[in-house]
Amino acid sequence: MVPLMAATLLTVVASQVPQLGDSLADVAAVVPFYVVFLVVMAFAGRAVARLFRLVPATEPAAPEPTAH
């Protein structure tokens, strides 16, 4: 499912690039803010997981039984 979502996002973003025209430099100027956000949120997510004592699953969840 993730590759399909990534392909959809890539398609949508690629369709908007021609609309930017000469503004591509303006868009590139804000990329560092998104990178900082990504790094900060990764550490914030880890902190919240530790705060609530969340642990990663060791096995995939079992499928729910089907009703007959």
PDB file of N, CA and C in Angstrom:
ATOM      1  N   MET A   1       0.819  -1.190   0.000  1.00  0.00           N
ATOM      2  CA  MET A   1       0.000   0.000   0.000  1.00  0.00           C
ATOM      3  C   MET A   1       0.868   1.260   0.000  1.00  0.00           C
ATOM      4  N   VAL A   2       1.984   1.215   0.704  1.00  0.00           N
ATOM      5  CA  VAL A   2       2.855   2.392   0.767  1.00  0.00           C
ATOM      6  C   VAL A   2       3.401   2.765  -0.609  1.00  0.00           C
ATOM      7  N   PRO A   3       3.851   1.807  -1.426  1.00  0.00           N
ATOM      8  CA  PRO A   3       4.328   2.205  -2.757  1.00  0.00           C
ATOM      9  C   PRO A   3       3.239   2.878  -3.597  1.00  0.00           C
ATOM     10  N   LEU A   4       1.999   2.434  -3.454  1.00  0.00           N
ATOM     11  CA  LEU A   4       0.907   3.057  -4.195  1.00  0.00           C
ATOM     12  C   LEU A   4       0.682   4.492  -3.728  1.00  0.00           C
ATOM     13  N   MET A   5       0.750   4.707  -2.422  1.00  0.00           N
ATOM     14  CA  MET A   5       0.595   6.061  -1.887  1.00  0.00           C
ATOM     15  C   MET A   5       1.741   6.953  -2.352  1.00  0.00           C
ATOM     16  N   ALA A   6       2.955   6.420  -2.362  1.00  0.00           N
ATOM     17  CA  ALA A   6       4.115   7.196  -2.810  1.00  0.00           C
ATOM     18  C   ALA A   6       3.983   7.548  -4.289  1.00  0.00           C
ATOM     19  N   ALA A   7       3.500   6.603  -5.088  1.00  0.00           N
ATOM     20  CA  ALA A   7       3.316   6.867  -6.514  1.00  0.00           C
ATOM     21  C   ALA A   7       2.251   7.937  -6.734  1.00  0.00           C
ATOM     22  N   THR A   8       1.191   7.890  -5.945  1.00  0.00           N
ATOM     23  CA  THR A   8       0.139   8.899  -6.048  1.00  0.00           C
ATOM     24  C   THR A   8       0.667  10.278  -5.683  1.00  0.00           C
ATOM     25  N   LEU A   9       1.416  10.356  -4.586  1.00  0.00           N
ATOM     26  CA  LEU A   9       1.988  11.630  -4.169  1.00  0.00           C
ATOM     27  C   LEU A   9       2.945  12.168  -5.232  1.00  0.00           C
ATOM     28  N   LEU A  10       3.786  11.308  -5.771  1.00  0.00           N
ATOM     29  CA  LEU A  10       4.729  11.724  -6.810  1.00  0.00           C
ATOM     30  C   LEU A  10       3.982  12.263  -8.029  1.00  0.00           C
ATOM     31  N   THR A  11       2.922  11.598  -8.411  1.00  0.00           N
ATOM     32  CA  THR A  11       2.133  12.033  -9.567  1.00  0.00           C
ATOM     33  C   THR A  11       1.508  13.403  -9.322  1.00  0.00           C
ATOM     34  N   VAL A  12       0.941  13.600  -8.143  1.00  0.00           N
ATOM     35  CA  VAL A  12       0.305  14.877  -7.829  1.00  0.00           C
ATOM     36  C   VAL A  12       1.336  16.000  -7.793  1.00  0.00           C
ATOM     37  N   VAL A  13       2.464  15.748  -7.145  1.00  0.00           N
ATOM     38  CA  VAL A  13       3.508  16.778  -7.062  1.00  0.00           C
ATOM     39  C   VAL A  13       4.055  17.088  -8.452  1.00  0.00           C
ATOM     40  N   ALA A  14       4.309  16.057  -9.240  1.00  0.00           N
ATOM     41  CA  ALA A  14       4.843  16.271 -10.584  1.00  0.00           C
ATOM     42  C   ALA A  14       3.872  17.072 -11.446  1.00  0.00           C
ATOM     43  N   SER A  15       2.590  16.896 -11.223  1.00  0.00           N
ATOM     44  CA  SER A  15       1.609  17.632 -12.018  1.00  0.00           C
ATOM     45  C   SER A  15       1.591  19.114 -11.657  1.00  0.00           C
ATOM     46  N   GLN A  16       2.082  19.478 -10.495  1.00  0.00           N
ATOM     47  CA  GLN A  16       2.049  20.870 -10.051  1.00  0.00           C
ATOM     48  C   GLN A  16       3.334  21.632 -10.351  1.00  0.00           C
ATOM     49  N   VAL A  17       4.409  20.924 -10.661  1.00  0.00           N
ATOM     50  CA  VAL A  17       5.695  21.585 -10.918  1.00  0.00           C
ATOM     51  C   VAL A  17       5.606  22.597 -12.059  1.00  0.00           C
ATOM     52  N   PRO A  18       4.947  22.292 -13.187  1.00  0.00           N
ATOM     53  CA  PRO A  18       4.862  23.306 -14.250  1.00  0.00           C
ATOM     54  C   PRO A  18       4.122  24.578 -13.812  1.00  0.00           C
ATOM     55  N   GLN A  19       3.226  24.468 -12.867  1.00  0.00           N
ATOM     56  CA  GLN A  19       2.485  25.640 -12.391  1.00  0.00           C
ATOM     57  C   GLN A  19       3.376  26.600 -11.602  1.00  0.00           C
ATOM     58  N   LEU A  20       4.494  26.095 -11.089  1.00  0.00           N
ATOM     59  CA  LEU A  20       5.387  26.938 -10.287  1.00  0.00           C
ATOM     60  C   LEU A  20       6.105  27.973 -11.140  1.00  0.00           C
ATOM     61  N   GLY A  21       6.448  27.592 -12.354  1.00  0.00           N
ATOM     62  CA  GLY A  21       7.131  28.519 -13.257  1.00  0.00           C
ATOM     63  C   GLY A  21       8.430  29.016 -12.664  1.00  0.00           C
ATOM     64  N   ASP A  22       8.538  30.324 -12.488  1.00  0.00           N
ATOM     65  CA  ASP A  22       9.763  30.924 -11.964  1.00  0.00           C
ATOM     66  C   ASP A  22       9.819  30.901 -10.440  1.00  0.00           C
ATOM     67  N   SER A  23       8.828  30.354  -9.792  1.00  0.00           N
ATOM     68  CA  SER A  23       8.768  30.339  -8.328  1.00  0.00           C
ATOM     69  C   SER A  23       9.477  29.141  -7.710  1.00  0.00           C
ATOM     70  N   LEU A  24      10.137  28.343  -8.521  1.00  0.00           N
ATOM     71  CA  LEU A  24      10.803  27.144  -8.008  1.00  0.00           C
ATOM     72  C   LEU A  24      11.848  27.500  -6.945  1.00  0.00           C
ATOM     73  N   ALA A  25      12.527  28.614  -7.093  1.00  0.00           N
ATOM     74  CA  ALA A  25      13.517  29.041  -6.101  1.00  0.00           C
ATOM     75  C   ALA A  25      12.844  29.369  -4.768  1.00  0.00           C
ATOM     76  N   ASP A  26      11.645  29.942  -4.820  1.00  0.00           N
ATOM     77  CA  ASP A  26      10.907  30.240  -3.586  1.00  0.00           C
ATOM     78  C   ASP A  26      10.524  28.946  -2.863  1.00  0.00           C
ATOM     79  N   VAL A  27      10.111  27.961  -3.621  1.00  0.00           N
ATOM     80  CA  VAL A  27       9.741  26.678  -3.028  1.00  0.00           C
ATOM     81  C   VAL A  27      10.975  26.008  -2.429  1.00  0.00           C
ATOM     82  N   ALA A  28      12.081  26.041  -3.145  1.00  0.00           N
ATOM     83  CA  ALA A  28      13.312  25.424  -2.650  1.00  0.00           C
ATOM     84  C   ALA A  28      13.803  26.102  -1.377  1.00  0.00           C
ATOM     85  N   ALA A  29      13.474  27.361  -1.192  1.00  0.00           N
ATOM     86  CA  ALA A  29      13.923  28.094  -0.005  1.00  0.00           C
ATOM     87  C   ALA A  29      13.280  27.569   1.282  1.00  0.00           C
ATOM     88  N   VAL A  30      12.087  26.970   1.180  1.00  0.00           N
ATOM     89  CA  VAL A  30      11.419  26.478   2.387  1.00  0.00           C
ATOM     90  C   VAL A  30      11.707  25.012   2.682  1.00  0.00           C
ATOM     91  N   VAL A  31      12.397  24.320   1.795  1.00  0.00           N
ATOM     92  CA  VAL A  31      12.719  22.897   2.001  1.00  0.00           C
ATOM     93  C   VAL A  31      13.476  22.665   3.311  1.00  0.00           C
ATOM     94  N   PRO A  32      14.446  23.511   3.691  1.00  0.00           N
ATOM     95  CA  PRO A  32      15.133  23.276   4.972  1.00  0.00           C
ATOM     96  C   PRO A  32      14.176  23.249   6.175  1.00  0.00           C
ATOM     97  N   PHE A  33      13.114  24.040   6.137  1.00  0.00           N
ATOM     98  CA  PHE A  33      12.152  24.025   7.234  1.00  0.00           C
ATOM     99  C   PHE A  33      11.450  22.675   7.323  1.00  0.00           C
ATOM    100  N   TYR A  34      11.127  22.091   6.184  1.00  0.00           N
ATOM    101  CA  TYR A  34      10.496  20.773   6.183  1.00  0.00           C
ATOM    102  C   TYR A  34      11.461  19.698   6.683  1.00  0.00           C
ATOM    103  N   VAL A  35      12.721  19.827   6.337  1.00  0.00           N
ATOM    104  CA  VAL A  35      13.724  18.859   6.807  1.00  0.00           C
ATOM    105  C   VAL A  35      13.872  18.957   8.326  1.00  0.00           C
ATOM    106  N   VAL A  36      13.932  20.179   8.847  1.00  0.00           N
ATOM    107  CA  VAL A  36      14.018  20.373  10.300  1.00  0.00           C
ATOM    108  C   VAL A  36      12.776  19.802  10.979  1.00  0.00           C
ATOM    109  N   PHE A  37      11.606  20.045  10.401  1.00  0.00           N
ATOM    110  CA  PHE A  37      10.358  19.508  10.947  1.00  0.00           C
ATOM    111  C   PHE A  37      10.407  17.990  11.003  1.00  0.00           C
ATOM    112  N   LEU A  38      10.897  17.367   9.940  1.00  0.00           N
ATOM    113  CA  LEU A  38      11.005  15.912   9.885  1.00  0.00           C
ATOM    114  C   LEU A  38      11.888  15.383  11.010  1.00  0.00           C
ATOM    115  N   VAL A  39      13.031  15.999  11.218  1.00  0.00           N
ATOM    116  CA  VAL A  39      13.957  15.556  12.266  1.00  0.00           C
ATOM    117  C   VAL A  39      13.356  15.777  13.654  1.00  0.00           C
ATOM    118  N   VAL A  40      12.771  16.949  13.881  1.00  0.00           N
ATOM    119  CA  VAL A  40      12.180  17.249  15.192  1.00  0.00           C
ATOM    120  C   VAL A  40      11.036  16.285  15.501  1.00  0.00           C
ATOM    121  N   MET A  41      10.186  16.016  14.530  1.00  0.00           N
ATOM    122  CA  MET A  41       9.044  15.127  14.767  1.00  0.00           C
ATOM    123  C   MET A  41       9.483  13.689  14.999  1.00  0.00           C
ATOM    124  N   ALA A  42      10.584  13.266  14.398  1.00  0.00           N
ATOM    125  CA  ALA A  42      11.091  11.921  14.660  1.00  0.00           C
ATOM    126  C   ALA A  42      11.491  11.783  16.131  1.00  0.00           C
ATOM    127  N   PHE A  43      12.184  12.788  16.649  1.00  0.00           N
ATOM    128  CA  PHE A  43      12.561  12.742  18.062  1.00  0.00           C
ATOM    129  C   PHE A  43      11.353  12.934  18.974  1.00  0.00           C
ATOM    130  N   ALA A  44      10.412  13.770  18.573  1.00  0.00           N
ATOM    131  CA  ALA A  44       9.198  13.963  19.371  1.00  0.00           C
ATOM    132  C   ALA A  44       8.388  12.675  19.428  1.00  0.00           C
ATOM    133  N   GLY A  45       8.302  11.966  18.325  1.00  0.00           N
ATOM    134  CA  GLY A  45       7.595  10.685  18.295  1.00  0.00           C
ATOM    135  C   GLY A  45       8.240   9.673  19.216  1.00  0.00           C
ATOM    136  N   ARG A  46       9.551   9.642  19.201  1.00  0.00           N
ATOM    137  CA  ARG A  46      10.263   8.714  20.098  1.00  0.00           C
ATOM    138  C   ARG A  46      10.027   9.095  21.559  1.00  0.00           C
ATOM    139  N   ALA A  47      10.035  10.390  21.860  1.00  0.00           N
ATOM    140  CA  ALA A  47       9.805  10.849  23.236  1.00  0.00           C
ATOM    141  C   ALA A  47       8.398  10.490  23.707  1.00  0.00           C
ATOM    142  N   VAL A  48       7.408  10.673  22.848  1.00  0.00           N
ATOM    143  CA  VAL A  48       6.031  10.325  23.215  1.00  0.00           C
ATOM    144  C   VAL A  48       5.895   8.819  23.417  1.00  0.00           C
ATOM    145  N   ALA A  49       6.536   8.043  22.564  1.00  0.00           N
ATOM    146  CA  ALA A  49       6.494   6.584  22.716  1.00  0.00           C
ATOM    147  C   ALA A  49       7.107   6.162  24.051  1.00  0.00           C
ATOM    148  N   ARG A  50       8.197   6.784  24.436  1.00  0.00           N
ATOM    149  CA  ARG A  50       8.805   6.461  25.737  1.00  0.00           C
ATOM    150  C   ARG A  50       7.927   6.933  26.880  1.00  0.00           C
ATOM    151  N   LEU A  51       7.317   8.102  26.739  1.00  0.00           N
ATOM    152  CA  LEU A  51       6.442   8.637  27.772  1.00  0.00           C
ATOM    153  C   LEU A  51       5.282   7.690  28.063  1.00  0.00           C
ATOM    154  N   PHE A  52       4.703   7.111  27.015  1.00  0.00           N
ATOM    155  CA  PHE A  52       3.574   6.204  27.184  1.00  0.00           C
ATOM    156  C   PHE A  52       3.996   4.737  27.214  1.00  0.00           C
ATOM    157  N   ARG A  53       5.299   4.510  27.273  1.00  0.00           N
ATOM    158  CA  ARG A  53       5.872   3.162  27.347  1.00  0.00           C
ATOM    159  C   ARG A  53       5.374   2.249  26.227  1.00  0.00           C
ATOM    160  N   LEU A  54       5.373   2.783  25.030  1.00  0.00           N
ATOM    161  CA  LEU A  54       4.963   2.009  23.868  1.00  0.00           C
ATOM    162  C   LEU A  54       6.154   1.205  23.368  1.00  0.00           C
ATOM    163  N   VAL A  55       5.907  -0.022  22.971  1.00  0.00           N
ATOM    164  CA  VAL A  55       6.963  -0.875  22.444  1.00  0.00           C
ATOM    165  C   VAL A  55       6.566  -1.325  21.041  1.00  0.00           C
ATOM    166  N   PRO A  56       7.539  -1.540  20.176  1.00  0.00           N
ATOM    167  CA  PRO A  56       7.198  -2.008  18.836  1.00  0.00           C
ATOM    168  C   PRO A  56       6.657  -3.436  18.891  1.00  0.00           C
ATOM    169  N   ALA A  57       5.778  -3.744  17.973  1.00  0.00           N
ATOM    170  CA  ALA A  57       5.218  -5.097  17.906  1.00  0.00           C
ATOM    171  C   ALA A  57       6.303  -6.065  17.468  1.00  0.00           C
ATOM    172  N   THR A  58       6.324  -7.240  18.079  1.00  0.00           N
ATOM    173  CA  THR A  58       7.317  -8.246  17.710  1.00  0.00           C
ATOM    174  C   THR A  58       6.832  -9.115  16.566  1.00  0.00           C
ATOM    175  N   GLU A  59       5.512  -9.181  16.386  1.00  0.00           N
ATOM    176  CA  GLU A  59       4.925  -9.972  15.307  1.00  0.00           C
ATOM    177  C   GLU A  59       3.814  -9.152  14.651  1.00  0.00           C
ATOM    178  N   PRO A  60       3.524  -9.458  13.405  1.00  0.00           N
ATOM    179  CA  PRO A  60       2.383  -8.788  12.796  1.00  0.00           C
ATOM    180  C   PRO A  60       1.091  -9.217  13.496  1.00  0.00           C
ATOM    181  N   ALA A  61       0.127  -8.347  13.487  1.00  0.00           N
ATOM    182  CA  ALA A  61      -1.147  -8.661  14.123  1.00  0.00           C
ATOM    183  C   ALA A  61      -1.818  -9.814  13.388  1.00  0.00           C
ATOM    184  N   ALA A  62      -2.449 -10.682  14.140  1.00  0.00           N
ATOM    185  CA  ALA A  62      -3.164 -11.811  13.552  1.00  0.00           C
ATOM    186  C   ALA A  62      -4.428 -11.305  12.861  1.00  0.00           C
ATOM    187  N   PRO A  63      -4.774 -11.882  11.735  1.00  0.00           N
ATOM    188  CA  PRO A  63      -6.022 -11.446  11.085  1.00  0.00           C
ATOM    189  C   PRO A  63      -7.226 -11.816  11.939  1.00  0.00           C
ATOM    190  N   GLU A  64      -8.258 -11.003  11.838  1.00  0.00           N
ATOM    191  CA  GLU A  64      -9.464 -11.279  12.614  1.00  0.00           C
ATOM    192  C   GLU A  64     -10.160 -12.497  12.051  1.00  0.00           C
ATOM    193  N   PRO A  65     -10.723 -13.320  12.925  1.00  0.00           N
ATOM    194  CA  PRO A  65     -11.425 -14.517  12.411  1.00  0.00           C
ATOM    195  C   PRO A  65     -12.663 -14.103  11.627  1.00  0.00           C
ATOM    196  N   THR A  66     -12.961 -14.893  10.614  1.00  0.00           N
ATOM    197  CA  THR A  66     -14.134 -14.603   9.802  1.00  0.00           C
ATOM    198  C   THR A  66     -15.350 -15.318  10.381  1.00  0.00           C
ATOM    199  N   ALA A  67     -16.501 -14.686  10.287  1.00  0.00           N
ATOM    200  CA  ALA A  67     -17.729 -15.289  10.805  1.00  0.00           C
ATOM    201  C   ALA A  67     -18.308 -16.217   9.741  1.00  0.00           C
ATOM    202  N   HIS A  68     -18.737 -17.394  10.152  1.00  0.00           N
ATOM    203  CA  HIS A  68     -19.330 -18.358   9.199  1.00  0.00           C
ATOM    204  C   HIS A  68     -20.775 -18.545   9.484  1.00  0.00           C
TER     205      HIS A  68
END
